[in-house]
């Protein structure tokens, strides 16, 4: 990702005067969302639908200047209106087709933007630095380069891949993996079978509850660490004594609590 790519023929392009700290709210079924660096406020909508012009026209894209909020809704259900009176089978076929050929959304965001995504299976990807992100999905993946604020993700099987984050991060998953390359703040993960990997570079509270996924936490050298790590049948290994690592008086620690049933747990120094 990076600068906005050239507009494809089957595309709709809008431009809004988004200000710093804008809120970006997107609702899709399977369409992907990309937040990029480029001409701020440019929104590019594309689709693989057989009738792209009609499909793109149905997308609701509006900006509330008073709230500095951009809302994009791909209106999957709106396409069912054309099938009234043609039977349930025709309506369901139309809904499936609209979901499969949903609209992808690309937004060039200003500094300090926050995103809220509601989707079934669409992915969220951002090269642009954000001030916060909230995602609710069934299987969509989330990949964010930098977030200077809270991240909240709830998904069944989607993966969460984060770069540098000044938390807190809250993630609830069934089978998706969680990776955080650089964490400054708190992290709370509840998962069934996904692996959790985090690199911690500042004091904070790390709380991971897992059933069968493995947990790997890397803590920057020199940080005080308080450990409370348990796995019923998985292996536990740590380069830090399981009763913690001492630090200077008054120093805020990294508090690491891990509960696992069968997953392995590894704690190491960076």
Protein backbone atom coordinates (compact mmCIF):
# COMPACT_ATOMS: atom_id res chain seq x y z
CA UNK A 1 0.00 0.00 0.00
CA UNK A 2 1.02 3.66 -0.02
CA UNK A 3 -0.09 6.47 -2.30
CA UNK A 4 -3.53 6.14 -3.88
CA UNK A 5 -3.39 4.04 -7.03
CA UNK A 6 -4.83 5.21 -10.36
CA UNK A 7 -8.60 5.10 -10.58
CA UNK A 8 -9.87 1.98 -12.34
CA UNK A 9 -12.77 2.29 -14.83
CA UNK A 10 -15.20 0.54 -12.44
CA UNK A 11 -14.72 3.03 -9.64
CA UNK A 12 -16.46 5.87 -7.88
CA UNK A 13 -14.32 8.63 -6.40
CA UNK A 14 -15.43 11.22 -3.84
CA UNK A 15 -13.50 13.92 -2.03
CA UNK A 16 -14.26 15.45 1.36
CA UNK A 17 -12.48 18.09 3.43
CA UNK A 18 -11.58 15.78 6.29
CA UNK A 19 -9.82 17.47 9.18
CA UNK A 20 -7.18 16.13 11.52
CA UNK A 21 -8.65 13.58 13.93
CA UNK A 22 -11.47 12.57 11.59
CA UNK A 23 -13.65 9.56 12.42
CA UNK A 24 -13.99 7.00 9.64
CA UNK A 25 -17.00 4.68 9.95
CA UNK A 26 -17.41 1.87 7.42
CA UNK A 27 -20.05 -0.86 7.12
CA UNK A 28 -19.51 -3.67 4.59
CA UNK A 29 -20.27 -7.36 4.06
CA UNK A 30 -17.13 -8.62 2.32
CA UNK A 31 -15.56 -5.45 0.96
CA UNK A 32 -12.04 -4.63 2.09
CA UNK A 33 -11.10 -1.30 3.67
CA UNK A 34 -7.73 0.38 3.14
CA UNK A 35 -6.56 3.55 4.89
CA UNK A 36 -3.68 5.10 3.00
CA UNK A 37 -1.39 8.09 2.80
CA UNK A 38 -2.35 10.32 -0.12
CA UNK A 39 -4.55 13.28 -1.00
CA UNK A 40 -6.39 13.58 2.30
CA UNK A 41 -10.14 13.11 2.05
CA UNK A 42 -10.14 11.15 -1.20
CA UNK A 43 -12.46 8.13 -1.09
CA UNK A 44 -12.16 5.50 -3.81
CA UNK A 45 -14.86 2.83 -4.17
CA UNK A 46 -14.41 -0.20 -6.45
CA UNK A 47 -16.36 -3.38 -7.09
CA UNK A 48 -16.30 -6.60 -9.13
CA UNK A 49 -20.08 -6.56 -9.57
CA UNK A 50 -21.37 -7.31 -13.08
CA UNK A 51 -23.13 -3.93 -13.07
CA UNK A 52 -20.52 -1.77 -11.29
CA UNK A 53 -22.15 1.58 -12.03
CA UNK A 54 -25.42 0.58 -10.39
CA UNK A 55 -23.67 -1.15 -7.51
CA UNK A 56 -21.41 1.83 -6.77
CA UNK A 57 -24.30 4.28 -7.00
CA UNK A 58 -26.04 2.48 -4.13
CA UNK A 59 -23.14 3.03 -1.72
CA UNK A 60 -23.89 5.66 0.90
CA UNK A 61 -20.88 7.92 1.37
CA UNK A 62 -21.35 11.06 3.48
CA UNK A 63 -19.34 13.48 5.57
CA UNK A 64 -20.63 15.27 8.66
CA UNK A 65 -18.42 18.36 8.90
CA UNK A 66 -19.68 19.36 12.35
CA UNK A 67 -18.64 15.98 13.78
CA UNK A 68 -15.69 15.52 11.40
CA UNK A 69 -17.07 12.07 10.60
CA UNK A 70 -16.98 10.20 7.30
CA UNK A 71 -19.52 7.38 6.95
CA UNK A 72 -19.41 4.75 4.22
CA UNK A 73 -22.06 2.01 3.97
CA UNK A 74 -21.89 -0.35 1.00
CA UNK A 75 -25.61 -1.13 1.41
CA UNK A 76 -25.53 -4.84 0.63
CA UNK A 77 -29.15 -5.30 1.69
CA UNK A 78 -30.34 -2.44 -0.50
CA UNK A 79 -29.93 -4.58 -3.62
CA UNK A 80 -32.68 -6.92 -2.44
CA UNK A 81 -35.31 -4.30 -3.18
CA UNK A 82 -35.20 -5.19 -6.87
CA UNK A 83 -36.22 -8.79 -6.13
CA UNK A 84 -39.51 -8.09 -4.36
CA UNK A 85 -42.22 -10.46 -5.49
CA UNK A 86 -39.76 -12.85 -7.16
CA UNK A 87 -39.51 -15.38 -4.36
CA UNK A 88 -37.28 -16.08 -1.41
CA UNK A 89 -34.78 -18.03 -3.52
CA UNK A 90 -34.26 -15.08 -5.86
CA UNK A 91 -33.88 -12.72 -2.90
CA UNK A 92 -31.29 -14.94 -1.22
CA UNK A 93 -29.39 -15.34 -4.48
CA UNK A 94 -29.34 -11.58 -4.84
CA UNK A 95 -28.08 -11.10 -1.30
CA UNK A 96 -25.29 -13.66 -1.78
CA UNK A 97 -24.27 -12.02 -5.04
CA UNK A 98 -24.19 -8.58 -3.46
CA UNK A 99 -22.12 -9.84 -0.55
CA UNK A 100 -19.67 -11.67 -2.81
CA UNK A 101 -19.26 -8.63 -5.06
CA UNK A 102 -19.24 -6.06 -2.30
CA UNK A 103 -17.52 -2.70 -2.65
CA UNK A 104 -13.93 -2.14 -1.55
CA UNK A 105 -13.25 1.17 0.20
CA UNK A 106 -10.00 3.12 0.11
CA UNK A 107 -9.65 6.37 2.08
CA UNK A 108 -6.71 8.77 2.26
CA UNK A 109 -6.93 9.78 5.90
CA UNK A 110 -5.60 12.85 7.73
CA UNK A 111 -3.36 12.72 10.80
CA UNK A 112 -4.93 11.31 13.95
CA UNK A 113 -7.83 9.59 12.20
CA UNK A 114 -9.86 6.92 13.99
CA UNK A 115 -11.63 4.05 12.24
CA UNK A 116 -14.67 1.95 13.12
CA UNK A 117 -15.45 -1.03 10.88
CA UNK A 118 -18.44 -3.36 10.91
CA UNK A 119 -18.11 -6.24 8.45
CA UNK A 120 -18.70 -9.96 7.90
CA UNK A 121 -15.49 -10.92 6.13
CA UNK A 122 -13.87 -7.74 4.86
CA UNK A 123 -10.24 -6.97 5.76
CA UNK A 124 -8.96 -3.73 7.28
CA UNK A 125 -5.48 -2.57 6.31
CA UNK A 126 -3.79 0.73 7.17
CA UNK A 127 -0.40 2.16 6.31
CA UNK A 128 -1.45 5.55 7.66
CA UNK A 129 -0.89 6.16 11.39
CA UNK A 130 -4.16 6.12 13.33
CA UNK A 131 -5.35 7.42 16.70
CA UNK A 132 -7.67 4.48 17.32
CA UNK A 133 -9.39 1.50 15.71
CA UNK A 134 -12.47 -0.59 16.47
CA UNK A 135 -13.43 -3.63 14.41
CA UNK A 136 -16.28 -6.13 14.67
CA UNK A 137 -16.20 -8.95 12.11
CA UNK A 138 -16.74 -12.66 11.56
CA UNK A 139 -13.56 -13.51 9.66
CA UNK A 140 -11.91 -10.36 8.37
CA UNK A 141 -8.20 -9.75 9.01
CA UNK A 142 -6.88 -6.54 10.57
CA UNK A 143 -3.44 -5.17 9.69
CA UNK A 144 -2.42 -1.81 11.13
CA UNK A 145 1.03 -0.23 10.89
CA UNK A 146 0.80 2.23 13.78
CA UNK A 147 -1.90 3.20 16.28
CA UNK A 148 -1.34 5.89 18.92
CA UNK A 149 -4.42 5.00 20.89
CA UNK A 150 -6.88 2.20 21.69
CA UNK A 151 -7.46 -0.84 19.48
CA UNK A 152 -10.54 -3.02 19.98
CA UNK A 153 -11.16 -6.08 17.82
CA UNK A 154 -13.82 -8.78 18.04
CA UNK A 155 -13.77 -11.53 15.42
CA UNK A 156 -14.29 -15.27 15.02
CA UNK A 157 -11.44 -16.32 12.76
CA UNK A 158 -9.80 -13.14 11.51
CA UNK A 159 -6.15 -12.42 12.29
CA UNK A 160 -4.87 -9.31 14.06
CA UNK A 161 -1.48 -8.05 12.90
CA UNK A 162 -0.29 -4.82 14.51
CA UNK A 163 2.90 -2.79 14.21
CA UNK A 164 3.65 -0.14 16.84
CA UNK A 165 0.73 0.43 19.21
CA UNK A 166 0.39 2.74 22.19
CA UNK A 167 -2.50 0.76 23.68
CA UNK A 168 -4.67 -0.34 25.19
CA UNK A 169 -5.43 -3.30 22.93
CA UNK A 170 -8.48 -5.49 23.53
CA UNK A 171 -8.98 -8.54 21.32
CA UNK A 172 -11.58 -11.32 21.49
CA UNK A 173 -11.12 -14.11 18.96
CA UNK A 174 -11.95 -17.75 18.38
CA UNK A 175 -9.17 -19.00 16.10
CA UNK A 176 -7.36 -15.98 14.68
CA UNK A 177 -3.73 -15.23 15.56
CA UNK A 178 -2.65 -12.01 17.29
CA UNK A 179 0.73 -10.38 16.58
CA UNK A 180 1.95 -7.10 18.05
CA UNK A 181 5.41 -6.00 16.94
CA UNK A 182 5.84 -3.09 19.35
CA UNK A 183 3.54 -2.61 22.33
CA UNK A 184 3.54 0.39 24.63
CA UNK A 185 0.55 -0.07 26.91
CA UNK A 186 -1.92 -2.72 27.98
CA UNK A 187 -2.93 -5.83 26.05
CA UNK A 188 -5.94 -8.05 26.76
CA UNK A 189 -6.51 -11.11 24.55
CA UNK A 190 -9.15 -13.82 24.91
CA UNK A 191 -8.82 -16.61 22.36
CA UNK A 192 -9.63 -20.28 21.84
CA UNK A 193 -7.03 -21.62 19.42
CA UNK A 194 -5.16 -18.69 17.92
CA UNK A 195 -1.51 -18.00 18.73
CA UNK A 196 -0.56 -14.78 20.51
CA UNK A 197 2.80 -13.08 19.94
CA UNK A 198 3.72 -9.71 21.45
CA UNK A 199 6.89 -7.65 21.76
CA UNK A 200 6.66 -5.35 24.80
CA UNK A 201 8.73 -2.16 24.90
CA UNK A 202 7.14 -0.25 27.80
CA UNK A 203 5.44 -0.95 31.15
CA UNK A 204 1.87 -2.18 30.99
CA UNK A 205 -0.48 -5.04 31.81
CA UNK A 206 -0.53 -8.07 29.52
CA UNK A 207 -3.46 -10.43 30.13
CA UNK A 208 -3.87 -13.45 27.84
CA UNK A 209 -6.44 -16.21 28.18
CA UNK A 210 -6.12 -19.05 25.67
CA UNK A 211 -7.21 -22.68 25.28
CA UNK A 212 -4.88 -24.33 22.76
CA UNK A 213 -2.97 -21.55 21.04
CA UNK A 214 0.67 -20.82 21.90
CA UNK A 215 1.68 -17.58 23.62
CA UNK A 216 5.04 -15.86 23.09
CA UNK A 217 5.90 -12.61 24.86
CA UNK A 218 9.17 -10.75 24.34
CA UNK A 219 10.00 -8.07 26.93
CA UNK A 220 12.58 -5.36 26.33
CA UNK A 221 15.71 -5.77 28.41
CA UNK A 222 15.79 -3.64 31.55
CA UNK A 223 12.05 -3.59 32.19
CA UNK A 224 10.73 -4.80 35.54
CA UNK A 225 8.53 -7.85 35.01
CA UNK A 226 5.91 -9.48 37.23
CA UNK A 227 4.91 -12.93 35.96
CA UNK A 228 1.81 -15.03 36.60
CA UNK A 229 1.99 -17.73 33.95
CA UNK A 230 0.18 -21.09 33.93
CA UNK A 231 -0.65 -23.80 31.39
CA UNK A 232 -2.48 -27.02 32.28
CA UNK A 233 -0.75 -29.33 29.80
CA UNK A 234 1.36 -27.01 27.66
CA UNK A 235 5.03 -26.27 28.25
CA UNK A 236 6.08 -23.08 30.02
CA UNK A 237 9.54 -21.61 29.46
CA UNK A 238 10.92 -18.25 30.54
CA UNK A 239 14.23 -16.39 30.40
CA UNK A 240 12.86 -14.41 33.34
CA UNK A 241 12.39 -16.05 36.73
CA UNK A 242 8.75 -17.06 37.12
CA UNK A 243 8.55 -14.93 40.26
CA UNK A 244 9.48 -11.90 38.15
CA UNK A 245 12.51 -9.71 37.48
CA UNK A 246 13.54 -7.03 39.97
CA UNK A 247 13.70 -3.36 39.05
CA UNK A 248 14.32 0.02 40.61
CA UNK A 249 12.14 1.10 43.53
CA UNK A 250 8.98 2.79 42.29
CA UNK A 251 9.44 1.57 38.74
CA UNK A 252 6.21 0.56 36.99
CA UNK A 253 6.40 -3.08 35.87
CA UNK A 254 5.25 -5.12 32.93
CA UNK A 255 2.59 -7.32 34.53
CA UNK A 256 2.21 -10.51 32.53
CA UNK A 257 -0.67 -12.89 33.25
CA UNK A 258 -1.21 -15.90 31.00
CA UNK A 259 -3.75 -18.68 31.41
CA UNK A 260 -3.68 -21.55 28.92
CA UNK A 261 -5.10 -25.07 28.81
CA UNK A 262 -2.88 -26.88 26.33
CA UNK A 263 -0.92 -24.15 24.57
CA UNK A 264 2.80 -23.57 25.15
CA UNK A 265 3.91 -20.33 26.80
CA UNK A 266 7.30 -18.71 26.19
CA UNK A 267 8.59 -15.52 27.84
CA UNK A 268 11.90 -14.05 26.75
CA UNK A 269 13.99 -10.91 26.73
CA UNK A 270 14.36 -8.80 23.61
